[in-house]
Every structure is written in structure tokens, then in C-alpha cells.
Protein backbone atom coordinates (compact mmCIF):
# COMPACT_ATOMS: atom_id res chain seq x y z
CA MET A 1 132.90 -14.51 170.89
CA ALA A 2 131.78 -14.12 174.45
CA PRO A 3 128.30 -12.62 175.04
CA LEU A 4 129.90 -9.80 177.05
CA ASN A 5 132.07 -8.80 174.10
CA VAL A 6 129.01 -8.82 171.81
CA MET A 7 127.18 -6.49 174.21
CA CYS A 8 130.21 -4.16 174.31
CA LEU A 9 130.37 -4.08 170.51
CA MET A 10 126.68 -3.13 170.33
CA MET A 11 127.12 -0.33 172.90
CA ILE A 12 130.20 1.00 171.04
CA ALA A 13 128.27 1.02 167.74
CA LEU A 14 125.30 2.80 169.36
CA GLY A 15 127.60 5.39 170.94
CA ALA A 16 129.29 6.00 167.59
CA CYS A 17 125.89 6.66 165.98
CA ILE A 18 125.04 9.15 168.71
CA ILE A 19 128.36 10.94 168.35
CA GLY A 20 127.96 11.00 164.56
CA SER A 21 124.51 12.57 164.82
CA SER A 22 125.85 15.12 167.32
CA SER A 23 128.71 15.95 164.93
CA ILE A 24 126.24 16.69 162.13
CA LYS A 25 124.27 19.06 164.39
CA THR A 26 127.51 20.76 165.48
CA TRP A 27 128.49 21.35 161.85
CA GLN A 28 125.06 22.88 161.18
CA ILE A 29 125.57 25.22 164.15
CA ILE A 30 128.98 26.24 162.75
CA LYS A 31 127.35 27.13 159.42
CA LEU A 32 124.65 29.17 161.21
CA LEU A 33 127.17 31.12 163.29
CA GLY A 34 129.05 32.29 160.23
CA THR A 35 131.74 34.68 161.52
CA SER A 36 130.86 34.65 165.22
CA LYS A 37 133.65 35.26 167.75
CA SER A 38 132.95 31.91 169.46
CA LEU A 39 133.15 29.99 166.19
CA TRP A 40 136.58 28.54 166.98
CA LYS A 41 135.24 26.80 170.09
CA TRP A 42 132.58 25.10 168.04
CA HIS A 43 135.27 23.96 165.62
CA VAL A 44 137.20 22.48 168.56
CA LEU A 45 134.03 20.70 169.74
CA TYR A 46 133.49 19.39 166.25
CA GLY A 47 137.10 18.12 166.11
CA LEU A 48 136.72 16.39 169.51
CA LYS A 49 133.58 14.65 168.32
CA ILE A 50 135.39 13.43 165.21
CA SER A 51 138.16 12.18 167.53
CA PHE A 52 135.54 10.37 169.58
CA LEU A 53 134.28 8.72 166.42
CA GLY A 54 137.81 7.57 165.66
CA GLY A 55 138.18 6.24 169.21
CA TYR A 56 134.89 4.38 168.97
CA ALA A 57 135.98 2.85 165.67
CA LEU A 58 139.36 1.83 167.11
CA ALA A 59 137.75 0.33 170.22
CA PHE A 60 135.28 -1.57 168.06
CA GLY A 61 138.14 -3.00 165.94
CA LEU A 62 140.29 -3.97 168.95
CA LEU A 63 137.39 -5.67 170.65
CA LEU A 64 136.36 -7.41 167.46
CA HIS A 65 139.88 -8.80 166.96
CA GLU A 66 140.26 -9.57 170.65
CA GLN A 67 143.14 -7.12 171.20
CA ALA A 68 141.94 -6.25 174.71
CA HIS A 69 145.41 -5.26 176.02
CA TRP A 70 145.18 -1.99 174.02
CA LEU A 71 141.77 -1.07 175.46
CA GLY A 72 143.21 0.33 178.70
CA LEU A 73 145.33 2.91 176.85
CA LEU A 74 142.44 3.75 174.56
CA THR A 75 140.09 4.15 177.51
CA SER A 76 142.42 6.62 179.25
CA VAL A 77 142.73 8.68 176.07
CA VAL A 78 138.94 8.69 175.64
CA PHE A 79 138.44 9.73 179.27
CA PHE A 80 140.87 12.64 178.82
CA LEU A 81 139.25 13.77 175.60
CA GLY A 82 135.82 13.34 177.24
CA ALA A 83 136.80 15.58 180.16
CA LEU A 84 138.16 18.18 177.73
CA PHE A 85 134.97 17.93 175.68
CA VAL A 86 132.77 18.44 178.75
CA LEU A 87 134.82 21.45 179.88
CA LEU A 88 134.70 23.06 176.47
CA SER A 89 131.01 22.25 176.05
CA VAL A 90 130.10 23.89 179.35
CA SER A 91 132.16 26.96 178.39
CA VAL A 92 130.51 27.19 174.99
CA PHE A 93 127.02 26.68 176.37
CA TYR A 94 127.64 29.26 179.11
CA GLN A 95 128.77 31.86 176.62
CA THR A 96 125.86 31.03 174.33
CA LEU A 97 123.37 31.35 177.20
CA GLU A 98 124.99 34.62 178.27
CA ALA A 99 124.75 35.97 174.72
CA LEU A 100 121.10 34.90 174.49
CA MET A 101 120.24 36.58 177.79
CA LEU A 102 122.03 39.74 176.69
CA ALA A 103 120.21 39.66 173.36
CA GLN A 104 116.90 39.18 175.19
CA ALA A 105 117.67 42.12 177.49
CA ASN A 106 118.59 44.25 174.48
CA TYR A 107 115.39 43.18 172.74
CA VAL A 108 113.28 44.10 175.75
CA SER A 109 115.08 47.43 176.02
CA GLU A 110 114.67 48.14 172.31
CA GLN A 111 111.03 47.12 172.47
CA ALA A 112 110.45 49.47 175.41
CA ARG A 113 112.16 52.29 173.51
CA ALA A 114 110.11 51.50 170.41
CA GLU A 115 106.88 51.53 172.42
CA GLU A 116 107.91 54.80 174.04
CA ALA A 117 108.68 56.25 170.61
CA LEU A 118 105.32 55.05 169.27
CA GLU A 119 103.54 56.54 172.26
CA SER A 120 105.38 59.82 171.77
CA LEU A 121 104.49 59.73 168.07
CA TYR A 122 100.86 59.04 168.95
CA HIS A 123 100.74 61.96 171.39
CA LEU A 124 102.50 64.16 168.85
CA LYS A 125 99.94 63.21 166.22
CA GLN A 126 97.10 63.83 168.68
CA ASN A 127 98.54 67.22 169.62
CA GLN A 128 99.00 68.08 165.97
CA MET A 129 95.44 67.06 165.23
CA GLU A 130 94.09 69.10 168.14
CA ARG A 131 96.21 72.09 167.16
CA ILE A 132 94.90 72.00 163.62
CA HIS A 133 91.46 71.40 165.04
CA TYR A 134 91.63 74.46 167.26
CA GLU A 135 92.96 76.64 164.45
CA LYS A 136 89.74 75.74 162.60
CA MET A 137 89.89 78.50 160.03
CA LEU A 138 88.31 76.42 157.30
CA GLY A 139 85.50 75.27 159.56
CA ILE A 140 84.77 78.75 160.88
CA GLN A 141 84.68 80.17 157.35
CA GLN A 142 82.15 77.58 156.27
CA LEU A 143 80.14 78.08 159.45
CA VAL A 144 80.05 81.85 158.95
CA ALA A 145 79.16 81.38 155.28
CA GLY A 146 76.24 79.11 156.15
CA ILE A 147 74.91 81.41 158.85
CA ALA A 148 75.45 84.49 156.68
CA HIS A 149 73.41 82.84 153.93
CA GLU A 150 70.49 82.26 156.29
CA PHE A 151 70.76 85.70 157.86
CA ASN A 152 70.95 87.29 154.43
CA ASN A 153 67.69 85.68 153.35
CA SER A 154 65.93 86.89 156.48
CA ILE A 155 67.41 90.37 156.40
CA ASN A 156 66.53 90.75 152.70
CA ILE A 157 62.89 90.11 153.58
CA ILE A 158 62.97 92.77 156.27
CA HIS A 159 64.98 95.31 154.26
CA GLY A 160 63.06 94.88 151.02
CA ASN A 161 59.63 95.16 152.62
CA LEU A 162 60.62 98.10 154.78
CA GLU A 163 61.08 100.22 151.64
CA HIS A 164 57.52 99.45 150.51
CA LEU A 165 56.23 100.01 154.02
CA GLU A 166 57.88 103.42 154.17
CA GLY A 167 56.34 104.39 150.83
CA HIS A 168 52.86 103.25 151.86
CA ILE A 169 53.09 105.03 155.17
CA ALA A 170 54.24 108.21 153.40
CA ASP A 171 51.22 108.00 151.08
CA VAL A 172 48.88 107.46 154.01
CA LEU A 173 50.34 110.41 155.86
CA LYS A 174 50.09 112.53 152.72
CA ALA A 175 46.45 111.56 152.31
CA VAL A 176 45.71 112.32 155.92
CA ASN A 177 47.45 115.67 155.59
CA TYR A 178 45.32 116.60 152.57
CA TYR A 179 42.25 115.38 154.38
CA LYS A 180 42.87 117.73 157.28
CA HIS A 181 43.79 120.94 155.42
CA MET A 182 41.70 120.90 152.24
CA PRO A 183 37.97 121.32 152.14
CA SER A 184 37.72 119.08 149.12
CA HIS A 185 39.93 116.06 149.88
CA THR A 186 38.39 113.67 147.40
CA LEU A 187 40.67 114.67 144.53
CA ALA A 188 43.77 114.23 146.69
CA LEU A 189 42.79 110.66 147.57
CA GLU A 190 42.00 109.54 144.03
CA GLY A 191 45.61 108.49 143.28
CA ILE A 192 45.95 106.44 146.44
CA ASP A 193 44.41 102.97 146.80
CA LEU A 194 43.80 102.98 150.52
CA ALA A 195 42.15 99.54 150.49
CA PHE A 196 45.17 97.94 148.82
CA ILE A 197 47.52 99.76 151.16
CA ASN A 198 45.68 98.50 154.20
CA VAL A 199 45.92 94.89 153.01
CA ASP A 200 49.49 95.21 151.79
CA ILE A 201 50.65 96.74 155.06
CA LEU A 202 49.33 93.70 156.90
CA ASN A 203 51.11 91.36 154.47
CA ILE A 204 54.36 93.29 154.74
CA ILE A 205 54.22 93.27 158.50
CA GLY A 206 53.55 89.53 158.37
CA SER A 207 56.59 89.02 156.15
CA ILE A 208 58.72 91.09 158.50
CA ARG A 209 57.47 89.08 161.43
CA HIS A 210 58.21 85.82 159.59
CA GLY A 211 61.74 86.95 158.79
CA SER A 212 62.28 88.00 162.38
CA VAL A 213 61.09 84.63 163.66
CA ARG A 214 63.43 82.86 161.26
CA THR A 215 66.29 84.97 162.52
CA GLN A 216 65.36 84.25 166.12
CA ASN A 217 65.10 80.52 165.42
CA LEU A 218 68.47 80.52 163.70
CA VAL A 219 70.09 82.37 166.59
CA ALA A 220 68.48 79.99 169.07
CA ALA A 221 69.65 76.96 167.08
CA LEU A 222 73.17 78.35 166.86
CA LYS A 223 73.12 79.03 170.60
CA ASP A 224 71.87 75.51 171.35
CA PHE A 225 74.45 74.04 169.02
CA SER A 226 77.47 75.90 170.38
CA ARG A 227 76.24 76.17 173.99
CA LEU A 228 78.07 79.47 174.45
CA ASP A 229 76.66 79.92 177.95
CA GLU A 230 77.54 76.42 179.16
CA SER A 231 80.70 74.49 179.84
CA GLY A 232 81.55 71.04 181.13
CA GLN A 233 79.14 68.19 181.73
CA LYS A 234 75.40 68.92 181.49
CA VAL A 235 72.27 66.81 181.46
CA VAL A 236 70.76 67.59 178.06
CA SER A 237 68.35 66.19 175.49
CA LEU A 238 69.99 64.60 172.47
CA HIS A 239 66.88 65.31 170.41
CA GLN A 240 67.32 69.04 171.04
CA GLY A 241 70.95 68.80 169.96
CA LEU A 242 70.00 66.95 166.78
CA GLU A 243 67.29 69.47 165.93
CA SER A 244 69.49 72.51 166.53
CA THR A 245 72.15 70.95 164.30
CA MET A 246 69.58 70.16 161.61
CA THR A 247 68.38 73.78 161.73
CA LEU A 248 71.89 75.01 161.01
CA ILE A 249 72.33 72.73 157.99
CA SER A 250 68.76 72.97 156.69
CA SER A 251 69.89 74.97 153.65
CA GLN A 252 72.02 71.99 152.55
CA LEU A 253 68.92 69.79 152.41
CA GLN A 254 67.18 71.88 149.77
CA ALA A 255 67.25 71.28 146.03
CA ASP A 256 69.78 73.28 144.04
CA GLY A 257 69.65 74.74 140.57
CA ASN A 258 71.60 71.88 138.98
CA GLY A 259 68.76 69.39 139.00
CA LYS A 260 69.67 67.71 142.28
CA PRO A 261 66.51 67.02 144.29
CA ALA A 262 66.00 67.95 147.90
CA ILE A 263 67.05 65.50 150.60
CA GLU A 264 64.18 63.85 152.43
CA VAL A 265 64.61 63.74 156.20
CA VAL A 266 62.94 61.05 158.31
CA ARG A 267 62.91 61.42 162.08
CA ASP A 268 62.39 58.18 163.97
CA TYR A 269 62.86 59.28 167.56
CA GLY A 270 62.41 56.85 170.40
CA GLU A 271 61.84 57.52 174.07
CA ILE A 272 65.32 58.27 175.42
CA PRO A 273 66.20 60.10 178.63
CA PRO A 274 68.50 63.12 178.79
CA ILE A 275 72.15 62.17 179.14
CA ASN A 276 75.09 63.61 181.04
CA CYS A 277 77.55 64.92 178.44
CA GLU A 278 79.37 67.92 177.02
CA PRO A 279 76.61 69.40 174.82
CA ALA A 280 78.82 71.42 172.48
CA ALA A 281 81.10 68.44 171.85
CA ILE A 282 78.20 66.04 171.18
CA ASN A 283 76.56 68.58 168.87
CA GLN A 284 79.85 68.79 167.04
CA VAL A 285 79.75 65.01 166.51
CA PHE A 286 76.24 65.35 165.08
CA MET A 287 77.44 68.13 162.77
CA HIS A 288 80.35 66.06 161.44
CA LEU A 289 78.21 62.97 160.80
CA LEU A 290 75.25 64.84 159.30
CA THR A 291 77.46 66.97 157.04
CA ASN A 292 79.27 63.91 155.74
CA ALA A 293 75.98 62.10 155.12
CA ILE A 294 74.59 65.09 153.20
CA ASP A 295 77.79 65.43 151.18
CA SER A 296 77.56 61.74 150.33
CA LEU A 297 73.99 62.13 149.11
CA LYS A 298 75.01 65.07 146.93
CA THR A 299 77.98 63.43 145.23
CA ASN A 300 77.94 62.96 141.48
CA ALA A 301 78.97 59.36 142.06
CA PHE A 302 75.67 58.72 143.80
CA ILE A 303 73.62 60.42 141.11
CA ALA A 304 75.37 58.46 138.35
CA SER A 305 75.38 55.07 140.03
CA GLN A 306 71.90 54.95 141.54
CA ASP A 307 68.39 54.96 140.18
CA PRO A 308 67.50 58.65 139.70
CA ASP A 309 63.98 57.87 140.95
CA GLN A 310 65.32 56.56 144.24
CA PRO A 311 64.78 59.18 146.96
CA LYS A 312 67.73 60.80 148.66
CA ARG A 313 66.87 60.07 152.26
CA LEU A 314 68.51 60.95 155.55
CA THR A 315 67.17 59.07 158.57
CA LEU A 316 67.69 60.08 162.21
CA ARG A 317 66.89 57.32 164.68
CA THR A 318 67.29 57.18 168.47
CA ARG A 319 66.71 54.30 170.88
CA LEU A 320 67.30 53.24 174.45
CA VAL A 321 69.26 50.08 173.59
CA GLN A 322 69.83 48.73 177.08
CA GLU A 323 69.83 50.00 180.64
CA GLY A 324 72.06 53.04 180.85
CA TRP A 325 72.82 53.31 177.11
CA VAL A 326 71.31 55.29 174.23
CA SER A 327 71.95 54.91 170.52
CA ILE A 328 71.78 57.53 167.78
CA GLN A 329 71.72 56.37 164.17
CA ILE A 330 72.37 58.59 161.16
CA ALA A 331 71.59 56.66 157.97
CA ASP A 332 71.76 57.80 154.36
CA THR A 333 70.86 56.22 151.04
CA GLY A 334 74.16 57.21 149.46
CA CYS A 335 76.52 55.02 147.50
CA GLY A 336 77.99 53.25 150.54
CA MET A 337 81.66 52.50 150.96
CA THR A 338 84.22 49.81 150.32
CA SER A 339 85.95 47.81 153.02
CA ALA A 340 89.20 49.65 152.23
CA THR A 341 87.70 53.04 153.06
CA GLN A 342 85.92 51.63 156.11
CA ALA A 343 89.26 50.52 157.54
CA LEU A 344 90.58 54.11 157.36
CA MET A 345 87.39 55.96 158.18
CA PHE A 346 88.39 57.25 161.61
CA ASP A 347 92.10 57.74 160.89
CA PRO A 348 93.26 61.36 161.27
CA PHE A 349 93.75 63.27 158.00
CA PHE A 350 92.03 60.57 155.93
CA THR A 351 89.57 61.95 153.40
CA THR A 352 88.10 60.90 150.07
CA LYS A 353 87.06 64.45 149.22
CA PRO A 354 88.96 66.57 146.69
CA VAL A 355 91.80 68.79 147.83
CA GLY A 356 90.48 71.88 149.57
CA HIS A 357 87.15 70.32 150.58
CA GLY A 358 88.22 68.71 153.83
CA THR A 359 91.10 68.19 156.24
CA GLY A 360 90.32 64.62 157.25
CA LEU A 361 89.89 65.47 160.93
CA GLY A 362 86.12 65.58 161.53
CA LEU A 363 85.48 61.88 161.99
CA ALA A 364 88.70 61.32 163.92
CA ILE A 365 87.74 64.13 166.31
CA SER A 366 84.20 62.75 166.58
CA TYR A 367 85.62 59.35 167.44
CA GLN A 368 87.77 60.87 170.18
CA ILE A 369 84.82 62.87 171.58
CA VAL A 370 82.62 59.79 171.77
CA ARG A 371 85.42 57.77 173.36
CA ARG A 372 85.97 60.56 175.87
CA HIS A 373 82.31 60.22 176.85
CA GLY A 374 82.75 56.49 177.40
CA GLY A 375 80.89 55.53 174.21
CA PHE A 376 81.80 54.19 170.78
CA ILE A 377 80.92 54.62 167.11
CA GLN A 378 79.97 51.82 164.72
CA CYS A 379 79.54 51.76 160.97
CA GLN A 380 77.42 49.55 158.72
CA SER A 381 77.86 50.06 154.99
CA ALA A 382 77.96 48.22 151.71
CA LEU A 383 78.81 49.62 148.32
CA GLY A 384 75.61 50.83 146.67
CA GLN A 385 73.49 50.28 149.79
CA GLY A 386 74.08 53.43 151.81
CA THR A 387 75.74 53.96 155.15
CA THR A 388 74.53 53.84 158.74
CA ILE A 389 76.62 55.39 161.51
CA THR A 390 75.63 54.45 165.07
CA VAL A 391 76.78 56.50 168.05
CA ASN A 392 76.40 54.66 171.36
CA LEU A 393 76.56 56.84 174.46
CA PRO A 394 76.14 56.08 178.17
CA ILE A 395 73.48 58.04 180.01
CA ASN A 396 75.98 58.73 182.78
CA ARG A 397 79.45 57.71 183.92
CA THR A 398 78.07 54.75 185.88
CA ALA A 399 76.70 53.26 182.67
CA ALA A 400 79.99 53.98 180.90
CA ALA A 401 81.81 51.78 183.41
CA ARG A 402 79.66 48.80 182.47
CA VAL A 403 80.19 46.54 179.50
CA SER A 404 79.33 48.39 176.32
CA PRO A 405 76.41 47.14 174.22
CA ARG A 406 77.35 45.23 171.08
CA ILE A 407 75.43 47.47 168.72
CA GLY A 408 73.03 50.32 169.01
CA LEU A 409 70.09 49.38 166.83
CA SER A 410 71.26 46.42 164.81
CA ARG A 411 71.78 43.23 166.78
CA SER A 412 73.43 41.48 163.88
CA ALA A 413 76.50 43.72 163.67
CA GLU A 414 79.54 43.35 165.84
CA ALA A 415 81.41 46.26 167.38
CA PRO A 416 84.53 46.63 165.23
CA THR A 417 87.92 46.45 166.90
CA HIS A 418 89.11 49.20 164.56
CA PRO A 419 86.11 51.34 163.73
CA PRO A 420 85.63 51.67 160.11
CA VAL A 421 84.50 56.46 154.40
CA GLU A 422 82.49 56.40 151.65
CA PRO A 423 83.24 58.32 148.46
CA GLY A 424 82.30 61.83 149.47
CA TRP A 425 82.79 61.05 153.15
CA ASP A 426 85.42 62.97 155.00
CA ASN A 427 87.19 62.88 158.29
CA SER A 428 86.51 66.58 158.60
CA SER A 429 83.37 68.64 158.43
CA SER A 430 82.31 72.23 158.27
CA PHE A 431 82.48 72.92 161.97
CA ILE A 432 84.93 72.34 164.76
CA THR A 433 85.24 73.20 168.42
CA ILE A 434 85.81 76.85 169.35
CA PRO A 435 88.40 77.36 172.12
CA ASP A 436 87.22 78.78 175.45
CA SER A 437 89.12 82.04 174.90
CA THR A 438 87.32 82.61 171.61
CA ILE A 439 84.00 81.74 173.23
CA GLN A 440 84.62 84.33 175.94
CA ASP A 441 85.39 86.96 173.27
CA LEU A 442 82.25 86.06 171.37
CA ARG A 443 80.19 86.16 174.54
CA HIS A 444 81.68 89.54 175.50
CA ASN A 445 80.90 91.06 172.11
CA ALA A 446 77.61 89.28 171.57
CA VAL A 447 74.37 91.12 170.99
CA PRO A 448 71.75 90.85 173.73
CA PRO A 449 70.14 87.42 173.43
CA PHE A 450 66.59 86.86 172.33
CA SER A 451 64.17 85.32 174.70
CA LYS A 452 64.47 81.71 173.73
CA PRO A 453 61.85 81.08 171.03
CA GLN A 454 60.52 77.80 169.81
CA LEU A 455 62.64 76.37 167.03
CA GLY A 456 59.63 76.17 164.77
CA LEU A 457 60.22 72.45 164.13
CA ARG A 458 57.16 70.29 164.01
CA GLU A 459 56.90 67.44 166.47
CA THR A 460 56.77 64.22 164.53
CA ARG A 461 55.56 60.81 165.38
CA LYS A 462 57.86 57.84 165.14
CA GLY A 463 58.85 57.32 161.53
CA ARG A 464 57.01 60.34 160.17
CA THR A 465 58.67 62.17 157.30
CA VAL A 466 59.32 65.89 157.82
């Protein structure tokens, strides 16, 4: 056989292999399409490829047996089928490409609608959260109950001692009256211990003064906490906000009658400058975090799982972490939290407290407040090792525009992409923001303010226990 014929046979065999492989792929496409409208075209393509295989086999046999006079007819048939195959292939590929582009356009449109729906859902959830937040009946009731408790203690001191004071003064006046009108006044004074009355009056007046100072301090702390006479951005001291908040919740730090010890408070304040913020909103963040920490320390789970000799400690720490940024840490020696609760910590309506003890909004609202100020919140916790919440805030808006620090006081922790609650922790707390209209009503009906007294809180050195 001539070398040219051998080369032709090899090319025909190679072409048949290629067509066979293409036929297999076409059959796989037919199976994938199932009941598609364009399925018949793929069947036609598959049939043409099988015809090509038959033509290749026939050409191979004719050339092998040197029947070259039939090759011309076979070639014309193959050319015709080839042209038909190309035409049908282009049509099929065009329709397939058109369907893919339409599907892509539909996907983009559906994705845009889905994103719009998610955004609407997010705004709806935010509005719902804010609406519930502004209704705040539960928070106001607890706030009023706490303040009423403190006021009641102070007023009881004043009211109870006033009765004794009135009696002593009546006796003194009676004695003086006898002294003036009777020649012999000694007998009239025998039943009255004037020396005791003189000392007791001083003690009673001291108790009244102490109760009055407590009332003044409480009113001043409440005023500093709520900032009823301020609105918008102010340059304020975070230490003052922390102390006014601590004054309001001081009754929660004391030991109760069920054997639970008092909570030890450690203040570790650094040198930080005043910051530009919304004071009432930032104080609200402090209230949420401190209340949750105290609730965590008071849980039965903590008492049962920890060494009873281990102190229940709440630590307040502030630092200037880098230029333009301050960090506030609130750490407790509670039972800590699992990774599962950390992942949901700042989600709205998430709470680990029993029904009726929280709405699950406090931490979510705190997170939004801090974000609104250009800052962020971080959490470090391990089960059985307590919890540390770090609030990082810019001193001003210029600092907020810079890159945020990685961590407030712990350089080993990374800022979480989804901020991470501990058993007993709650996304709500006892206090929430009061709307401006309510503030105006309160201000209109408020009693005349005291001259601003000292809060009566001792200045402490760094790390000193109070």
C-alpha cells in the first residue's frame, strides 16, 4: 500500500476517535437536559455524529480495499452532512448561549431582589427593635423600682428621725415653759434628760443630713446618667459616666439575705481625655454592660460551679490605647460563656435569661450605639473563667475615621468579624433610652434641681479596691 494511503487511513482513524468521543459527550448532554425544549436538536446532532462515524468507517474500508472510485461520492455526502452539522451546531450553541445569558440576567435580577428584601427585612427588624426599645416599659419599671428603693431608704431616715426630733423639741419647749412660769422649776425638769436630748438632737440632725446628702447624690447621679439637660454630642468624661452609673446600681452590689456575698468592685482608671460623644447613650451602654455583669455574678450557676471562697469581683478599667482612641473594660469573675452564646451575643432578642427577665435588646442596642459613635465592642470569655467586655471609642470623629485599634487592652485578641452571652447575660438590661418628648415632659414637671453636689465617691488610685 502506498505511503499516502497509509497516512489517509491514520487520519481517518484519528478523526473517527474524535467523533466517537464527541458523540459520548453529546449523549451526556442529552441526559443532563432531560425534557428541555431544545432536546430534539441535540438528538439530531447526536445522529449526525453517528452518521459521521459510519462515513469514517466506510471511507476506511474503501481505502483499505483500494476502492477509490467510491470515495468521491462518499466525500460529497460527508461534506453535505458536515455543512448540516455545522449549521445545526451553531444554532444549538446560539440558543444555549442565549438561554445562559437569560438565566444569568434572571439570576442577577433575583439576587438584587433578594438583597433588597434582606435590606428591607434588616431595616424592619431595626425599626422593630427601636420601637420596642422606645416603648421601654420594662426598663422604666425597673429603673423606677431601683430609684424608689434608694429614695425610700433615705426618706425613711428623715421621716423616722423627724418624729423623735419633734418629741424632743416638744419636751424642751415644755421644760422651758415650766422654767419661765413656775418659781420652782426643778420638779418639772426631773422627768426630762436634757443632756441626752442635746446629744440625741445632734445625732438625729446628722442622720437627717446624711439622708439628705444621699438623696442629693442619687439625684445628681441620675441627672448625670440621663443627661436630661443635654442633647447631641458633648465633650464629657467617661469616668464621670461610669461613676454615675455605678451609683445608680450600687444597691445591686450589696449582699442579700440569701447568703450571696457582696460584689467587690475594683476601679483601675487610666489617664484618658474627655471624648466627644452622646453622654446619655454612652451611659446607657455602661448600664447594659454593668447590669449584665452583675446578673452574671449573681447567677446560681456561678455559685454552684465556682469555688465559694473565690471573690465575686467586678473590674472597671480604662486606658488610652492609641492616639485618638480610648478603651473601657468591664470584667467579671462570673462563669464565662460558650462559643455558641458568644456567636449570638449581640443579636437582637437573644437572651439566656428566663422568660420575663429580659427582652434581648440591651446588648444589641449597645452595639448599635457604639457603632454609631465610630467605635466597636469586643468580648473575651471562656467557660469558667469570667468575661471581659471591651468598648473602644474614638476621642472625636477624626479618630473614628482612622483605622480602628485591634483591641482595647489585650493585644493578643483579634477584633471579631461578628462580635460575640454568658449564662445570665442578656441582650437587654434594666434601662433604655427615653425619647425626647418624654424627656421634655420630665424636665417640665421636674422639681427644682439641687446645686450639683459631689457624688461622695472616693477617688481611688490605679487598681485600688473600693
